[in-house]
N, C-alpha and C. Protein backbone atom coordinates (compact mmCIF):
# COMPACT_ATOMS: atom_id res chain seq x y z
N VAL A 1 131.76 104.57 119.31
CA VAL A 1 131.79 104.63 117.86
C VAL A 1 131.74 106.09 117.45
N GLU A 2 132.64 106.46 116.58
CA GLU A 2 132.70 107.84 116.11
C GLU A 2 131.69 108.06 114.99
N TRP A 3 130.95 109.17 115.09
CA TRP A 3 129.98 109.54 114.05
C TRP A 3 130.75 110.14 112.89
N ALA A 4 130.62 109.52 111.72
CA ALA A 4 131.36 110.00 110.55
C ALA A 4 130.50 109.89 109.31
N GLU A 5 130.72 110.78 108.36
CA GLU A 5 129.99 110.78 107.10
C GLU A 5 130.19 109.47 106.32
N ASP A 6 131.34 108.86 106.46
CA ASP A 6 131.63 107.65 105.69
C ASP A 6 131.14 106.35 106.36
N ASN A 7 130.43 106.48 107.48
CA ASN A 7 129.86 105.31 108.15
C ASN A 7 128.69 104.79 107.31
N SER A 8 128.83 103.64 106.72
CA SER A 8 127.80 103.10 105.84
C SER A 8 126.54 102.65 106.59
N TYR A 9 126.59 102.60 107.92
CA TYR A 9 125.43 102.16 108.71
C TYR A 9 124.67 103.33 109.34
N ARG A 10 125.07 104.55 109.02
CA ARG A 10 124.38 105.72 109.58
C ARG A 10 122.89 105.62 109.35
N PRO A 11 122.04 105.94 110.25
CA PRO A 11 122.30 106.58 111.54
C PRO A 11 122.67 105.61 112.66
N PHE A 12 122.94 104.37 112.33
CA PHE A 12 123.31 103.36 113.32
C PHE A 12 124.83 103.28 113.44
N CYS A 13 125.28 102.73 114.55
CA CYS A 13 126.72 102.63 114.76
C CYS A 13 127.32 101.41 114.06
N SER A 14 126.49 100.39 113.81
CA SER A 14 127.02 99.16 113.20
C SER A 14 125.90 98.39 112.51
N LYS A 15 126.27 97.38 111.76
CA LYS A 15 125.30 96.51 111.10
C LYS A 15 124.42 95.82 112.14
N ARG A 16 125.01 95.41 113.26
CA ARG A 16 124.26 94.75 114.33
C ARG A 16 123.15 95.65 114.85
N CYS A 17 123.46 96.90 115.15
CA CYS A 17 122.44 97.83 115.64
C CYS A 17 121.38 98.10 114.59
N GLN A 18 121.78 98.15 113.34
CA GLN A 18 120.84 98.34 112.24
C GLN A 18 119.85 97.17 112.18
N LEU A 19 120.34 95.94 112.31
CA LEU A 19 119.48 94.76 112.26
C LEU A 19 118.58 94.64 113.48
N ILE A 20 119.08 95.04 114.64
CA ILE A 20 118.26 95.03 115.85
C ILE A 20 117.08 95.98 115.68
N ASP A 21 117.33 97.16 115.15
CA ASP A 21 116.26 98.13 114.93
C ASP A 21 115.26 97.63 113.90
N LEU A 22 115.75 97.06 112.81
CA LEU A 22 114.87 96.51 111.78
C LEU A 22 113.99 95.41 112.37
N GLY A 23 114.57 94.55 113.20
CA GLY A 23 113.81 93.48 113.83
C GLY A 23 112.72 94.00 114.74
N ALA A 24 112.99 95.09 115.45
CA ALA A 24 111.99 95.68 116.33
C ALA A 24 110.81 96.22 115.53
N TRP A 25 111.06 96.83 114.39
CA TRP A 25 109.97 97.31 113.54
C TRP A 25 109.22 96.14 112.91
N ALA A 26 109.94 95.14 112.45
CA ALA A 26 109.31 93.99 111.78
C ALA A 26 108.42 93.20 112.73
N SER A 27 108.82 93.11 113.99
CA SER A 27 108.02 92.38 114.97
C SER A 27 106.96 93.26 115.64
N GLU A 28 106.89 94.50 115.21
CA GLU A 28 105.93 95.49 115.71
C GLU A 28 106.15 95.85 117.18
N ARG A 29 107.39 95.67 117.69
CA ARG A 29 107.72 96.19 119.02
C ARG A 29 107.80 97.71 118.94
N ASN A 30 108.27 98.23 117.80
CA ASN A 30 108.28 99.67 117.55
C ASN A 30 107.05 100.00 116.72
N LYS A 31 106.37 101.06 117.09
CA LYS A 31 105.18 101.50 116.35
C LYS A 31 105.15 103.02 116.36
N ILE A 32 104.51 103.59 115.36
CA ILE A 32 104.30 105.03 115.32
C ILE A 32 102.96 105.30 115.98
N ALA A 33 102.97 106.18 116.98
CA ALA A 33 101.76 106.48 117.73
C ALA A 33 100.72 107.16 116.84
N GLY A 34 99.47 106.88 117.13
CA GLY A 34 98.38 107.51 116.39
C GLY A 34 97.33 106.49 116.04
N SER A 35 96.27 107.00 115.46
CA SER A 35 95.18 106.10 115.08
C SER A 35 95.47 105.46 113.73
N SER A 36 94.81 104.36 113.50
CA SER A 36 94.98 103.61 112.26
C SER A 36 94.39 104.38 111.08
N LEU A 37 94.95 104.18 109.92
CA LEU A 37 94.41 104.79 108.71
C LEU A 37 93.16 104.05 108.24
N PHE A 38 92.96 102.84 108.76
CA PHE A 38 91.84 102.01 108.36
C PHE A 38 90.93 101.78 109.56
N ASP A 39 89.61 101.81 109.34
CA ASP A 39 88.66 101.60 110.43
C ASP A 39 88.55 100.13 110.84
N SER A 40 88.74 99.23 109.90
CA SER A 40 88.64 97.81 110.21
C SER A 40 89.49 97.03 109.22
N GLU A 41 89.62 95.73 109.47
CA GLU A 41 90.40 94.90 108.55
C GLU A 41 89.76 94.83 107.18
N GLU A 42 88.45 95.03 107.11
CA GLU A 42 87.76 95.02 105.81
C GLU A 42 88.24 96.17 104.93
N ASP A 43 88.63 97.28 105.54
CA ASP A 43 89.09 98.45 104.79
C ASP A 43 90.46 98.23 104.17
N LEU A 44 91.15 97.18 104.59
CA LEU A 44 92.49 96.94 104.08
C LEU A 44 92.49 96.47 102.63
N GLY A 45 91.37 95.92 102.18
CA GLY A 45 91.29 95.47 100.80
C GLY A 45 92.32 94.40 100.50
N GLU A 46 93.18 94.68 99.55
CA GLU A 46 94.17 93.69 99.14
C GLU A 46 95.44 93.72 99.98
N ILE A 47 95.55 94.66 100.91
CA ILE A 47 96.71 94.73 101.79
C ILE A 47 96.56 93.62 102.83
N THR A 48 97.57 92.81 102.99
CA THR A 48 97.50 91.72 103.96
C THR A 48 98.64 91.80 104.94
N LYS A 49 98.39 91.35 106.15
CA LYS A 49 99.43 91.29 107.16
C LYS A 49 100.12 89.94 107.06
N HIS A 50 101.43 89.93 107.08
CA HIS A 50 102.20 88.69 106.96
C HIS A 50 102.63 88.22 108.31
């Protein structure tokens, strides 16, 4: 796949690759390394995990 400015799926090569990446983040297979911003689930307040 050629990298082009007019590629609507940038930085991905296709819609399929875009959805695969989104799925990995949504299922938490991809994570950003580091410690949590919250010490416990009680600190989450009104934020809930779905």
